[in-house]
C-alpha atoms as a PDB file:
ATOM      1  CA  UNK A   1     -22.625  -2.844   0.961  1.00  0.00           C
ATOM      2  CA  UNK A   2     -18.731  -2.772   0.808  1.00  0.00           C
ATOM      3  CA  UNK A   3     -17.397  -3.275  -2.798  1.00  0.00           C
ATOM      4  CA  UNK A   4     -14.735  -5.725  -1.146  1.00  0.00           C
ATOM      5  CA  UNK A   5     -15.800  -7.121   2.345  1.00  0.00           C
ATOM      6  CA  UNK A   6     -13.455  -9.536   4.302  1.00  0.00           C
ATOM      7  CA  UNK A   7     -13.453 -11.187   7.159  1.00  0.00           C
ATOM      8  CA  UNK A   8     -11.375 -13.904   9.453  1.00  0.00           C
ATOM      9  CA  UNK A   9      -8.785 -14.671   6.587  1.00  0.00           C
ATOM     10  CA  UNK A  10      -5.674 -16.833   7.571  1.00  0.00           C
ATOM     11  CA  UNK A  11      -3.323 -18.296   5.126  1.00  0.00           C
ATOM     12  CA  UNK A  12      -0.193 -20.596   6.178  1.00  0.00           C
ATOM     13  CA  UNK A  13       2.665 -22.026   4.654  1.00  0.00           C
ATOM     14  CA  UNK A  14       4.401 -24.870   6.405  1.00  0.00           C
ATOM     15  CA  UNK A  15       4.434 -23.380   9.942  1.00  0.00           C
ATOM     16  CA  UNK A  16       4.437 -19.536   9.016  1.00  0.00           C
ATOM     17  CA  UNK A  17       1.267 -17.811   9.357  1.00  0.00           C
ATOM     18  CA  UNK A  18       1.359 -15.567   6.384  1.00  0.00           C
ATOM     19  CA  UNK A  19      -2.176 -13.748   6.933  1.00  0.00           C
ATOM     20  CA  UNK A  20      -3.550 -13.917  10.635  1.00  0.00           C
ATOM     21  CA  UNK A  21      -7.602 -13.434  11.009  1.00  0.00           C
ATOM     22  CA  UNK A  22      -7.312 -10.440   8.593  1.00  0.00           C
ATOM     23  CA  UNK A  23     -10.877  -8.336   8.144  1.00  0.00           C
ATOM     24  CA  UNK A  24     -11.228  -5.372   6.069  1.00  0.00           C
ATOM     25  CA  UNK A  25     -13.684  -3.694   3.698  1.00  0.00           C
ATOM     26  CA  UNK A  26     -13.502  -1.103   1.288  1.00  0.00           C
ATOM     27  CA  UNK A  27     -16.362   1.222  -0.428  1.00  0.00           C
ATOM     28  CA  UNK A  28     -16.980   2.059  -4.218  1.00  0.00           C
ATOM     29  CA  UNK A  29     -14.860   5.861  -4.838  1.00  0.00           C
ATOM     30  CA  UNK A  30     -12.533   4.402  -2.202  1.00  0.00           C
ATOM     31  CA  UNK A  31      -8.790   3.825  -2.438  1.00  0.00           C
ATOM     32  CA  UNK A  32      -7.392   1.593   0.592  1.00  0.00           C
ATOM     33  CA  UNK A  33      -3.784   1.375   1.160  1.00  0.00           C
ATOM     34  CA  UNK A  34      -2.440  -1.861   2.992  1.00  0.00           C
ATOM     35  CA  UNK A  35       1.023  -0.968   3.933  1.00  0.00           C
ATOM     36  CA  UNK A  36       3.932  -3.113   5.544  1.00  0.00           C
ATOM     37  CA  UNK A  37       7.015  -4.441   5.447  1.00  0.00           C
ATOM     38  CA  UNK A  38       8.126  -7.267   3.200  1.00  0.00           C
ATOM     39  CA  UNK A  39       6.835 -10.482   4.816  1.00  0.00           C
ATOM     40  CA  UNK A  40       3.904  -8.438   6.133  1.00  0.00           C
ATOM     41  CA  UNK A  41       1.029 -10.716   3.896  1.00  0.00           C
ATOM     42  CA  UNK A  42       0.197  -8.149   1.654  1.00  0.00           C
ATOM     43  CA  UNK A  43       0.584 -10.066  -1.600  1.00  0.00           C
ATOM     44  CA  UNK A  44      -0.785 -13.123   0.091  1.00  0.00           C
ATOM     45  CA  UNK A  45      -3.823 -11.228   1.192  1.00  0.00           C
ATOM     46  CA  UNK A  46      -4.363  -9.604  -2.468  1.00  0.00           C
ATOM     47  CA  UNK A  47      -4.310 -13.372  -3.605  1.00  0.00           C
ATOM     48  CA  UNK A  48      -6.704 -14.454  -1.069  1.00  0.00           C
ATOM     49  CA  UNK A  49      -8.977 -11.461  -2.026  1.00  0.00           C
ATOM     50  CA  UNK A  50      -8.883 -12.407  -5.849  1.00  0.00           C
ATOM     51  CA  UNK A  51      -9.245 -16.031  -5.436  1.00  0.00           C
ATOM     52  CA  UNK A  52      -5.861 -17.035  -6.378  1.00  0.00           C
ATOM     53  CA  UNK A  53      -5.270 -18.788  -3.007  1.00  0.00           C
ATOM     54  CA  UNK A  54      -8.137 -20.375  -0.769  1.00  0.00           C
ATOM     55  CA  UNK A  55      -8.374 -19.493   2.915  1.00  0.00           C
ATOM     56  CA  UNK A  56      -7.668 -21.723   5.410  1.00  0.00           C
ATOM     57  CA  UNK A  57      -9.989 -22.508   8.231  1.00  0.00           C
ATOM     58  CA  UNK A  58      -9.911 -20.065  11.166  1.00  0.00           C
ATOM     59  CA  UNK A  59      -8.625 -21.344  14.287  1.00  0.00           C
ATOM     60  CA  UNK A  60     -11.683 -19.900  16.837  1.00  0.00           C
ATOM     61  CA  UNK A  61     -14.155 -21.841  14.182  1.00  0.00           C
ATOM     62  CA  UNK A  62     -15.229 -18.782  12.347  1.00  0.00           C
ATOM     63  CA  UNK A  63     -15.619 -19.082   8.346  1.00  0.00           C
ATOM     64  CA  UNK A  64     -13.790 -17.133   6.469  1.00  0.00           C
ATOM     65  CA  UNK A  65     -15.589 -14.575   4.163  1.00  0.00           C
ATOM     66  CA  UNK A  66     -14.970 -12.846   0.899  1.00  0.00           C
ATOM     67  CA  UNK A  67     -17.368 -10.593  -0.931  1.00  0.00           C
ATOM     68  CA  UNK A  68     -16.757  -8.933  -3.928  1.00  0.00           C
ATOM     69  CA  UNK A  69     -19.360  -6.587  -5.295  1.00  0.00           C
ATOM     70  CA  UNK A  70     -21.499  -8.418  -2.896  1.00  0.00           C
ATOM     71  CA  UNK A  71     -20.840 -12.099  -4.434  1.00  0.00           C
ATOM     72  CA  UNK A  72     -19.196 -14.677  -2.188  1.00  0.00           C
ATOM     73  CA  UNK A  73     -15.984 -15.135  -3.876  1.00  0.00           C
ATOM     74  CA  UNK A  74     -15.305 -18.491  -2.150  1.00  0.00           C
ATOM     75  CA  UNK A  75     -18.414 -19.983  -3.013  1.00  0.00           C
ATOM     76  CA  UNK A  76     -18.945 -18.346  -6.853  1.00  0.00           C
ATOM     77  CA  UNK A  77     -15.605 -17.351  -7.692  1.00  0.00           C
ATOM     78  CA  UNK A  78     -16.403 -16.728 -11.526  1.00  0.00           C
ATOM     79  CA  UNK A  79     -19.180 -14.877 -10.732  1.00  0.00           C
ATOM     80  CA  UNK A  80     -17.106 -12.323  -8.517  1.00  0.00           C
ATOM     81  CA  UNK A  81     -13.931 -12.273 -10.636  1.00  0.00           C
ATOM     82  CA  UNK A  82     -16.217 -10.582 -13.277  1.00  0.00           C
ATOM     83  CA  UNK A  83     -16.283  -7.522 -11.044  1.00  0.00           C
ATOM     84  CA  UNK A  84     -12.423  -7.835 -10.114  1.00  0.00           C
ATOM     85  CA  UNK A  85      -9.744  -6.311 -11.770  1.00  0.00           C
ATOM     86  CA  UNK A  86      -6.100  -7.356 -10.754  1.00  0.00           C
ATOM     87  CA  UNK A  87      -2.657  -5.649 -11.317  1.00  0.00           C
ATOM     88  CA  UNK A  88      -0.172  -8.436  -9.795  1.00  0.00           C
ATOM     89  CA  UNK A  89       3.513  -7.105  -8.962  1.00  0.00           C
ATOM     90  CA  UNK A  90       5.204  -8.676 -11.622  1.00  0.00           C
ATOM     91  CA  UNK A  91       4.404  -8.048 -15.450  1.00  0.00           C
ATOM     92  CA  UNK A  92       1.685 -10.931 -16.682  1.00  0.00           C
ATOM     93  CA  UNK A  93       1.428  -9.562 -20.188  1.00  0.00           C
ATOM     94  CA  UNK A  94       2.229 -11.914 -22.727  1.00  0.00           C
ATOM     95  CA  UNK A  95       5.418 -10.224 -24.255  1.00  0.00           C
ATOM     96  CA  UNK A  96       5.148 -11.824 -27.570  1.00  0.00           C
ATOM     97  CA  UNK A  97       2.217  -9.992 -28.375  1.00  0.00           C
ATOM     98  CA  UNK A  98       1.247  -6.555 -29.190  1.00  0.00           C
ATOM     99  CA  UNK A  99      -0.796  -3.842 -26.605  1.00  0.00           C
ATOM    100  CA  UNK A 100      -4.260  -4.372 -28.546  1.00  0.00           C
ATOM    101  CA  UNK A 101      -3.212  -7.848 -28.597  1.00  0.00           C
ATOM    102  CA  UNK A 102      -3.005  -8.203 -25.161  1.00  0.00           C
ATOM    103  CA  UNK A 103      -5.994  -6.540 -24.403  1.00  0.00           C
ATOM    104  CA  UNK A 104      -8.171  -8.443 -27.020  1.00  0.00           C
ATOM    105  CA  UNK A 105      -7.214 -11.467 -25.302  1.00  0.00           C
ATOM    106  CA  UNK A 106      -7.927 -10.963 -21.871  1.00  0.00           C
ATOM    107  CA  UNK A 107     -11.342  -8.880 -22.908  1.00  0.00           C
ATOM    108  CA  UNK A 108     -12.107 -12.239 -24.554  1.00  0.00           C
ATOM    109  CA  UNK A 109     -11.291 -14.207 -21.501  1.00  0.00           C
ATOM    110  CA  UNK A 110     -13.783 -12.275 -19.606  1.00  0.00           C
ATOM    111  CA  UNK A 111     -16.036 -13.035 -22.132  1.00  0.00           C
ATOM    112  CA  UNK A 112     -16.832  -9.550 -23.703  1.00  0.00           C
ATOM    113  CA  UNK A 113     -17.923  -9.744 -27.302  1.00  0.00           C
ATOM    114  CA  UNK A 114     -15.679  -7.901 -30.613  1.00  0.00           C
ATOM    115  CA  UNK A 115     -18.244  -4.889 -30.332  1.00  0.00           C
ATOM    116  CA  UNK A 116     -18.094  -4.430 -26.435  1.00  0.00           C
ATOM    117  CA  UNK A 117     -14.096  -4.908 -25.943  1.00  0.00           C
ATOM    118  CA  UNK A 118     -12.543  -2.957 -29.101  1.00  0.00           C
ATOM    119  CA  UNK A 119     -14.232   0.459 -27.837  1.00  0.00           C
ATOM    120  CA  UNK A 120     -13.223  -0.159 -24.748  1.00  0.00           C
ATOM    121  CA  UNK A 121     -10.013  -0.898 -25.102  1.00  0.00           C
ATOM    122  CA  UNK A 122      -9.504   2.478 -27.301  1.00  0.00           C
ATOM    123  CA  UNK A 123     -10.976   4.401 -23.977  1.00  0.00           C
ATOM    124  CA  UNK A 124      -8.785   2.548 -21.939  1.00  0.00           C
ATOM    125  CA  UNK A 125      -5.670   3.074 -23.827  1.00  0.00           C
ATOM    126  CA  UNK A 126      -6.392   6.489 -24.080  1.00  0.00           C
ATOM    127  CA  UNK A 127      -7.285   6.935 -20.620  1.00  0.00           C
ATOM    128  CA  UNK A 128      -3.690   5.436 -19.529  1.00  0.00           C
ATOM    129  CA  UNK A 129      -1.740   7.042 -22.010  1.00  0.00           C
ATOM    130  CA  UNK A 130      -0.791   4.462 -24.528  1.00  0.00           C
ATOM    131  CA  UNK A 131      -3.140   4.958 -27.439  1.00  0.00           C
ATOM    132  CA  UNK A 132       0.021   5.746 -29.600  1.00  0.00           C
ATOM    133  CA  UNK A 133       1.300   2.289 -28.696  1.00  0.00           C
ATOM    134  CA  UNK A 134      -1.833   0.078 -29.452  1.00  0.00           C
ATOM    135  CA  UNK A 135       0.530  -2.075 -32.040  1.00  0.00           C
ATOM    136  CA  UNK A 136       3.921  -1.735 -29.993  1.00  0.00           C
ATOM    137  CA  UNK A 137       4.858  -5.340 -28.600  1.00  0.00           C
ATOM    138  CA  UNK A 138       4.565  -5.372 -24.809  1.00  0.00           C
ATOM    139  CA  UNK A 139       8.300  -6.674 -24.245  1.00  0.00           C
ATOM    140  CA  UNK A 140       9.429  -3.339 -25.785  1.00  0.00           C
ATOM    141  CA  UNK A 141       7.609  -1.042 -23.561  1.00  0.00           C
ATOM    142  CA  UNK A 142       9.140   0.472 -20.704  1.00  0.00           C
ATOM    143  CA  UNK A 143       8.589  -0.278 -17.087  1.00  0.00           C
ATOM    144  CA  UNK A 144       6.093   2.366 -16.258  1.00  0.00           C
ATOM    145  CA  UNK A 145       4.620   1.715 -19.946  1.00  0.00           C
ATOM    146  CA  UNK A 146       4.031  -2.029 -18.923  1.00  0.00           C
ATOM    147  CA  UNK A 147       2.239  -1.474 -15.538  1.00  0.00           C
ATOM    148  CA  UNK A 148       0.137   0.947 -17.630  1.00  0.00           C
ATOM    149  CA  UNK A 149      -0.467  -1.938 -19.875  1.00  0.00           C
ATOM    150  CA  UNK A 150      -1.005  -4.059 -16.843  1.00  0.00           C
ATOM    151  CA  UNK A 151      -3.735  -1.385 -15.705  1.00  0.00           C
ATOM    152  CA  UNK A 152      -5.345  -1.246 -19.031  1.00  0.00           C
ATOM    153  CA  UNK A 153      -5.796  -5.143 -18.788  1.00  0.00           C
ATOM    154  CA  UNK A 154      -7.353  -4.665 -15.447  1.00  0.00           C
ATOM    155  CA  UNK A 155      -9.688  -2.442 -16.557  1.00  0.00           C
ATOM    156  CA  UNK A 156     -11.153  -3.948 -19.621  1.00  0.00           C
ATOM    157  CA  UNK A 157     -14.063  -5.546 -18.184  1.00  0.00           C
ATOM    158  CA  UNK A 158     -15.307  -2.602 -16.378  1.00  0.00           C
ATOM    159  CA  UNK A 159     -14.679  -3.616 -12.847  1.00  0.00           C
ATOM    160  CA  UNK A 160     -16.400  -2.557  -9.838  1.00  0.00           C
ATOM    161  CA  UNK A 161     -13.508  -3.386  -7.341  1.00  0.00           C
ATOM    162  CA  UNK A 162      -9.486  -3.246  -8.204  1.00  0.00           C
ATOM    163  CA  UNK A 163      -6.816  -5.158  -6.475  1.00  0.00           C
ATOM    164  CA  UNK A 164      -3.316  -3.577  -7.054  1.00  0.00           C
ATOM    165  CA  UNK A 165      -0.027  -5.367  -5.502  1.00  0.00           C
ATOM    166  CA  UNK A 166       2.790  -2.539  -5.455  1.00  0.00           C
ATOM    167  CA  UNK A 167       1.922  -1.392  -8.814  1.00  0.00           C
ATOM    168  CA  UNK A 168       4.788   1.472  -8.892  1.00  0.00           C
ATOM    169  CA  UNK A 169       8.108  -0.915  -7.272  1.00  0.00           C
ATOM    170  CA  UNK A 170      10.578  -0.174  -9.190  1.00  0.00           C
ATOM    171  CA  UNK A 171       9.208   2.531 -11.493  1.00  0.00           C
ATOM    172  CA  UNK A 172      10.532   5.918 -11.599  1.00  0.00           C
ATOM    173  CA  UNK A 173       9.140   9.073  -9.496  1.00  0.00           C
ATOM    174  CA  UNK A 174       7.410  10.684 -12.693  1.00  0.00           C
ATOM    175  CA  UNK A 175       5.905   7.327 -13.328  1.00  0.00           C
ATOM    176  CA  UNK A 176       4.859   6.842 -10.120  1.00  0.00           C
ATOM    177  CA  UNK A 177       3.612  10.533 -10.345  1.00  0.00           C
ATOM    178  CA  UNK A 178       1.485   9.701 -13.233  1.00  0.00           C
ATOM    179  CA  UNK A 179       0.064   6.353 -12.261  1.00  0.00           C
ATOM    180  CA  UNK A 180      -1.653   7.641  -9.385  1.00  0.00           C
ATOM    181  CA  UNK A 181      -3.224  10.487 -10.957  1.00  0.00           C
ATOM    182  CA  UNK A 182      -4.344   7.194 -13.373  1.00  0.00           C
ATOM    183  CA  UNK A 183      -6.325   5.741 -10.094  1.00  0.00           C
ATOM    184  CA  UNK A 184      -7.440   9.190  -8.571  1.00  0.00           C
ATOM    185  CA  UNK A 185      -8.894  10.240 -11.858  1.00  0.00           C
ATOM    186  CA  UNK A 186     -10.354   6.350 -12.321  1.00  0.00           C
ATOM    187  CA  UNK A 187     -12.160   6.714  -8.637  1.00  0.00           C
ATOM    188  CA  UNK A 188     -13.716   9.733  -9.366  1.00  0.00           C
ATOM    189  CA  UNK A 189     -15.071   8.785 -12.539  1.00  0.00           C
ATOM    190  CA  UNK A 190     -16.150   5.489 -12.421  1.00  0.00           C
ATOM    191  CA  UNK A 191     -16.440   5.135  -8.283  1.00  0.00           C
ATOM    192  CA  UNK A 192     -14.022   1.871  -8.586  1.00  0.00           C
ATOM    193  CA  UNK A 193     -13.143   0.440  -5.047  1.00  0.00           C
ATOM    194  CA  UNK A 194      -9.344   0.391  -5.060  1.00  0.00           C
ATOM    195  CA  UNK A 195      -7.058  -1.839  -2.759  1.00  0.00           C
ATOM    196  CA  UNK A 196      -3.583  -0.899  -3.358  1.00  0.00           C
ATOM    197  CA  UNK A 197      -0.110  -2.817  -1.532  1.00  0.00           C
ATOM    198  CA  UNK A 198       2.293   0.284  -1.055  1.00  0.00           C
ATOM    199  CA  UNK A 199       6.038   0.257   0.388  1.00  0.00           C
ATOM    200  CA  UNK A 200       5.806   4.258  -0.235  1.00  0.00           C
ATOM    201  CA  UNK A 201       4.563   6.368   2.661  1.00  0.00           C
ATOM    202  CA  UNK A 202       3.679   9.277   0.133  1.00  0.00           C
ATOM    203  CA  UNK A 203       1.852   6.676  -1.872  1.00  0.00           C
ATOM    204  CA  UNK A 204      -0.196   5.793   1.211  1.00  0.00           C
ATOM    205  CA  UNK A 205      -0.981   9.436   2.105  1.00  0.00           C
ATOM    206  CA  UNK A 206      -3.158   9.726  -0.890  1.00  0.00           C
ATOM    207  CA  UNK A 207      -5.331   6.576   0.258  1.00  0.00           C
ATOM    208  CA  UNK A 208      -8.898   7.578   2.158  1.00  0.00           C
ATOM    209  CA  UNK A 209      -7.685   5.252   4.387  1.00  0.00           C
ATOM    210  CA  UNK A 210      -4.900   2.989   5.239  1.00  0.00           C
ATOM    211  CA  UNK A 211      -4.050  -0.074   6.978  1.00  0.00           C
ATOM    212  CA  UNK A 212      -0.967  -1.117   8.655  1.00  0.00           C
ATOM    213  CA  UNK A 213       0.443  -4.643   8.404  1.00  0.00           C
ATOM    214  CA  UNK A 214       2.689  -6.829  10.225  1.00  0.00           C
ATOM    215  CA  UNK A 215       3.269 -10.636  10.377  1.00  0.00           C
ATOM    216  CA  UNK A 216      -0.271 -10.877   8.689  1.00  0.00           C
ATOM    217  CA  UNK A 217      -2.130  -8.866  10.922  1.00  0.00           C
ATOM    218  CA  UNK A 218      -3.971  -5.792  10.567  1.00  0.00           C
ATOM    219  CA  UNK A 219      -2.321  -3.379  13.222  1.00  0.00           C
ATOM    220  CA  UNK A 220      -4.319  -0.584  13.135  1.00  0.00           C
ATOM    221  CA  UNK A 221      -5.984   1.214   9.939  1.00  0.00           C
ATOM    222  CA  UNK A 222      -7.741   4.953   9.552  1.00  0.00           C
ATOM    223  CA  UNK A 223      -7.342   7.548   7.916  1.00  0.00           C
ATOM    224  CA  UNK A 224      -4.127   9.213   7.238  1.00  0.00           C
ATOM    225  CA  UNK A 225      -4.568  12.392   9.036  1.00  0.00           C
ATOM    226  CA  UNK A 226      -6.393  10.747  12.083  1.00  0.00           C
ATOM    227  CA  UNK A 227      -3.126   8.098  12.145  1.00  0.00           C
ATOM    228  CA  UNK A 228      -0.461  10.967  12.032  1.00  0.00           C
ATOM    229  CA  UNK A 229      -2.616  12.780  14.899  1.00  0.00           C
ATOM    230  CA  UNK A 230      -1.535  10.407  17.071  1.00  0.00           C
ATOM    231  CA  UNK A 231       1.675  11.471  17.428  1.00  0.00           C
ATOM    232  CA  UNK A 232       0.662  15.118  17.724  1.00  0.00           C
ATOM    233  CA  UNK A 233       3.497  17.204  19.219  1.00  0.00           C
ATOM    234  CA  UNK A 234       5.799  14.572  20.015  1.00  0.00           C
ATOM    235  CA  UNK A 235       8.259  14.525  16.973  1.00  0.00           C
ATOM    236  CA  UNK A 236      11.292  16.871  16.320  1.00  0.00           C
ATOM    237  CA  UNK A 237      13.182  16.755  13.430  1.00  0.00           C
ATOM    238  CA  UNK A 238      16.734  17.586  13.698  1.00  0.00           C
ATOM    239  CA  UNK A 239      19.712  18.816  11.604  1.00  0.00           C
ATOM    240  CA  UNK A 240      23.064  18.663  12.187  1.00  0.00           C
ATOM    241  CA  UNK A 241      26.454  16.047  12.077  1.00  0.00           C
ATOM    242  CA  UNK A 242      27.398  13.864  12.378  1.00  0.00           C
ATOM    243  CA  UNK A 243      23.896  11.925  12.410  1.00  0.00           C
ATOM    244  CA  UNK A 244      25.230   8.920  13.823  1.00  0.00           C
ATOM    245  CA  UNK A 245      26.686  10.441  17.110  1.00  0.00           C
ATOM    246  CA  UNK A 246      23.423  12.976  17.201  1.00  0.00           C
ATOM    247  CA  UNK A 247      21.467   9.648  17.323  1.00  0.00           C
ATOM    248  CA  UNK A 248      23.172   8.297  20.298  1.00  0.00           C
ATOM    249  CA  UNK A 249      23.066  11.273  22.325  1.00  0.00           C
ATOM    250  CA  UNK A 250      19.226  11.900  21.173  1.00  0.00           C
ATOM    251  CA  UNK A 251      18.476   8.070  22.674  1.00  0.00           C
ATOM    252  CA  UNK A 252      20.399   8.483  25.758  1.00  0.00           C
ATOM    253  CA  UNK A 253      17.756  11.412  27.066  1.00  0.00           C
ATOM    254  CA  UNK A 254      15.025   9.736  29.063  1.00  0.00           C
ATOM    255  CA  UNK A 255      12.037  11.267  26.731  1.00  0.00           C
ATOM    256  CA  UNK A 256      13.248  10.634  23.642  1.00  0.00           C
ATOM    257  CA  UNK A 257      11.269   7.278  22.750  1.00  0.00           C
ATOM    258  CA  UNK A 258      13.181   6.549  19.739  1.00  0.00           C
ATOM    259  CA  UNK A 259      15.647   8.949  17.077  1.00  0.00           C
ATOM    260  CA  UNK A 260      15.484   7.577  13.297  1.00  0.00           C
ATOM    261  CA  UNK A 261      17.215   8.947  10.273  1.00  0.00           C
ATOM    262  CA  UNK A 262      15.183  10.394   7.406  1.00  0.00           C
ATOM    263  CA  UNK A 263      18.011  10.891   4.606  1.00  0.00           C
ATOM    264  CA  UNK A 264      19.872  13.822   6.453  1.00  0.00           C
ATOM    265  CA  UNK A 265      18.082  14.319   9.194  1.00  0.00           C
ATOM    266  CA  UNK A 266      16.823  12.703  12.502  1.00  0.00           C
ATOM    267  CA  UNK A 267      13.513  12.010  13.588  1.00  0.00           C
ATOM    268  CA  UNK A 268      13.315  11.843  17.579  1.00  0.00           C
ATOM    269  CA  UNK A 269       9.858  10.612  18.674  1.00  0.00           C
ATOM    270  CA  UNK A 270       9.202  12.082  22.667  1.00  0.00           C
ATOM    271  CA  UNK A 271       6.978  11.605  25.485  1.00  0.00           C
ATOM    272  CA  UNK A 272       3.706  13.360  25.354  1.00  0.00           C
ATOM    273  CA  UNK A 273       4.313  16.979  26.696  1.00  0.00           C
ATOM    274  CA  UNK A 274       8.181  16.673  26.759  1.00  0.00           C
ATOM    275  CA  UNK A 275       9.362  17.872  23.092  1.00  0.00           C
ATOM    276  CA  UNK A 276      10.326  21.801  24.955  1.00  0.00           C
ATOM    277  CA  UNK A 277      12.103  19.788  27.601  1.00  0.00           C
ATOM    278  CA  UNK A 278      13.780  17.159  24.996  1.00  0.00           C
ATOM    279  CA  UNK A 279      15.004  20.196  22.871  1.00  0.00           C
ATOM    280  CA  UNK A 280      16.323  22.292  25.278  1.00  0.00           C
ATOM    281  CA  UNK A 281      18.456  19.477  26.745  1.00  0.00           C
ATOM    282  CA  UNK A 282      19.894  18.211  23.651  1.00  0.00           C
ATOM    283  CA  UNK A 283      20.711  21.904  22.652  1.00  0.00           C
ATOM    284  CA  UNK A 284      23.172  21.508  25.445  1.00  0.00           C
ATOM    285  CA  UNK A 285      23.911  18.100  25.375  1.00  0.00           C
ATOM    286  CA  UNK A 286      24.746  17.520  21.649  1.00  0.00           C
ATOM    287  CA  UNK A 287      27.633  20.253  21.479  1.00  0.00           C
ATOM    288  CA  UNK A 288      28.662  18.751  24.620  1.00  0.00           C
ATOM    289  CA  UNK A 289      28.879  15.438  23.186  1.00  0.00           C
ATOM    290  CA  UNK A 290      31.062  16.911  19.967  1.00  0.00           C
ATOM    291  CA  UNK A 291      28.246  17.187  17.746  1.00  0.00           C
ATOM    292  CA  UNK A 292      26.421  20.131  15.854  1.00  0.00           C
ATOM    293  CA  UNK A 293      22.784  20.999  15.194  1.00  0.00           C
ATOM    294  CA  UNK A 294      21.914  23.409  12.830  1.00  0.00           C
ATOM    295  CA  UNK A 295      18.034  23.367  13.499  1.00  0.00           C
ATOM    296  CA  UNK A 296      15.740  21.573  15.363  1.00  0.00           C
ATOM    297  CA  UNK A 297      12.040  21.725  15.591  1.00  0.00           C
ATOM    298  CA  UNK A 298       8.875  20.053  16.246  1.00  0.00           C
ATOM    299  CA  UNK A 299       6.987  18.853  13.029  1.00  0.00           C
ATOM    300  CA  UNK A 300       3.927  17.093  12.406  1.00  0.00           C
ATOM    301  CA  UNK A 301       4.289  13.205  12.393  1.00  0.00           C
ATOM    302  CA  UNK A 302       4.563  11.375   9.112  1.00  0.00           C
ATOM    303  CA  UNK A 303       2.953   8.169   8.490  1.00  0.00           C
ATOM    304  CA  UNK A 304       6.687   6.632   8.690  1.00  0.00           C
ATOM    305  CA  UNK A 305       7.062   7.993  11.710  1.00  0.00           C
ATOM    306  CA  UNK A 306       3.551   6.464  12.900  1.00  0.00           C
ATOM    307  CA  UNK A 307       4.749   3.341  11.002  1.00  0.00           C
ATOM    308  CA  UNK A 308       7.702   2.951  13.061  1.00  0.00           C
ATOM    309  CA  UNK A 309       6.176   3.482  16.789  1.00  0.00           C
ATOM    310  CA  UNK A 310       3.436   0.863  15.497  1.00  0.00           C
ATOM    311  CA  UNK A 311       6.132  -1.711  14.641  1.00  0.00           C
ATOM    312  CA  UNK A 312       7.953  -1.302  18.166  1.00  0.00           C
ATOM    313  CA  UNK A 313       4.874  -1.262  20.152  1.00  0.00           C
ATOM    314  CA  UNK A 314       4.266  -4.818  18.634  1.00  0.00           C
ATOM    315  CA  UNK A 315       7.608  -6.008  18.838  1.00  0.00           C
ATOM    316  CA  UNK A 316       7.445  -7.111  22.654  1.00  0.00           C
ATOM    317  CA  UNK A 317       4.489  -8.939  21.822  1.00  0.00           C
ATOM    318  CA  UNK A 318       5.298 -10.676  19.447  1.00  0.00           C
ATOM    319  CA  UNK A 319       8.989 -11.392  20.649  1.00  0.00           C
ATOM    320  CA  UNK A 320       7.421 -13.014  24.068  1.00  0.00           C
ATOM    321  CA  UNK A 321       4.708 -15.370  21.627  1.00  0.00           C
END
């Protein structure tokens, strides 16, 4: 049985449907990445799964289901939460308390006795790299250290399920790397089921499975390599200048479906089997149009390419609706 099992989740705020018939499962020892633009419904989904929000009735009459470690969250909320650790987007610790005092407070709220919480706190502080800061006030921690404290608090009661809502947003790249190493170690050593929302595609690539959300719906899910294979032999990378001109000239080609800027380069998505023809035509069209190409080559698709393609595929349907 999956550690997280959700079906027919819906949530509206007024006329806005934030989550629309969402279903997902996450197994023990698995990291599942939830990816989507702002407003896609990721945070609302997290709040539904931790019991902070109650789902709305489904339009089709199916009853919403949320199972956490085999416990029905909607019927036995307190019992299900015993198996759940949750790290929200915003820092929610008590800034006037020390690191250890925060851990003690939340451990005792979870029902841990002194003989249970103290050794676990020392263990988890060492795990997240905060052992030397146990007496420091939480408000004096850096952004990355605050996130590590939040993770420690979420783990203090040894949950089987961990929900992380954009845990590395706003921290530096090195801290992001350190945080993800902790998550990977945690899954390997304790077999926790992790559901993490992230705006970063390099983080999504670390997950065993990824789900792409838009307007409250789960568009597609799968392993990152399987999702990228959907665009095999369909991505051309173009270096040159000026990029805006290159993009316009590329989009004029009948076999180019899209052209997106990725830093100082372009990614062209072309029709299947047309990469060589597009490359040959653009090698002539770009100089003729006043641009310069320093390099053009086929590359493997990234998750960014997949996500952009999915967003474009759903646009006509959503617009007509």
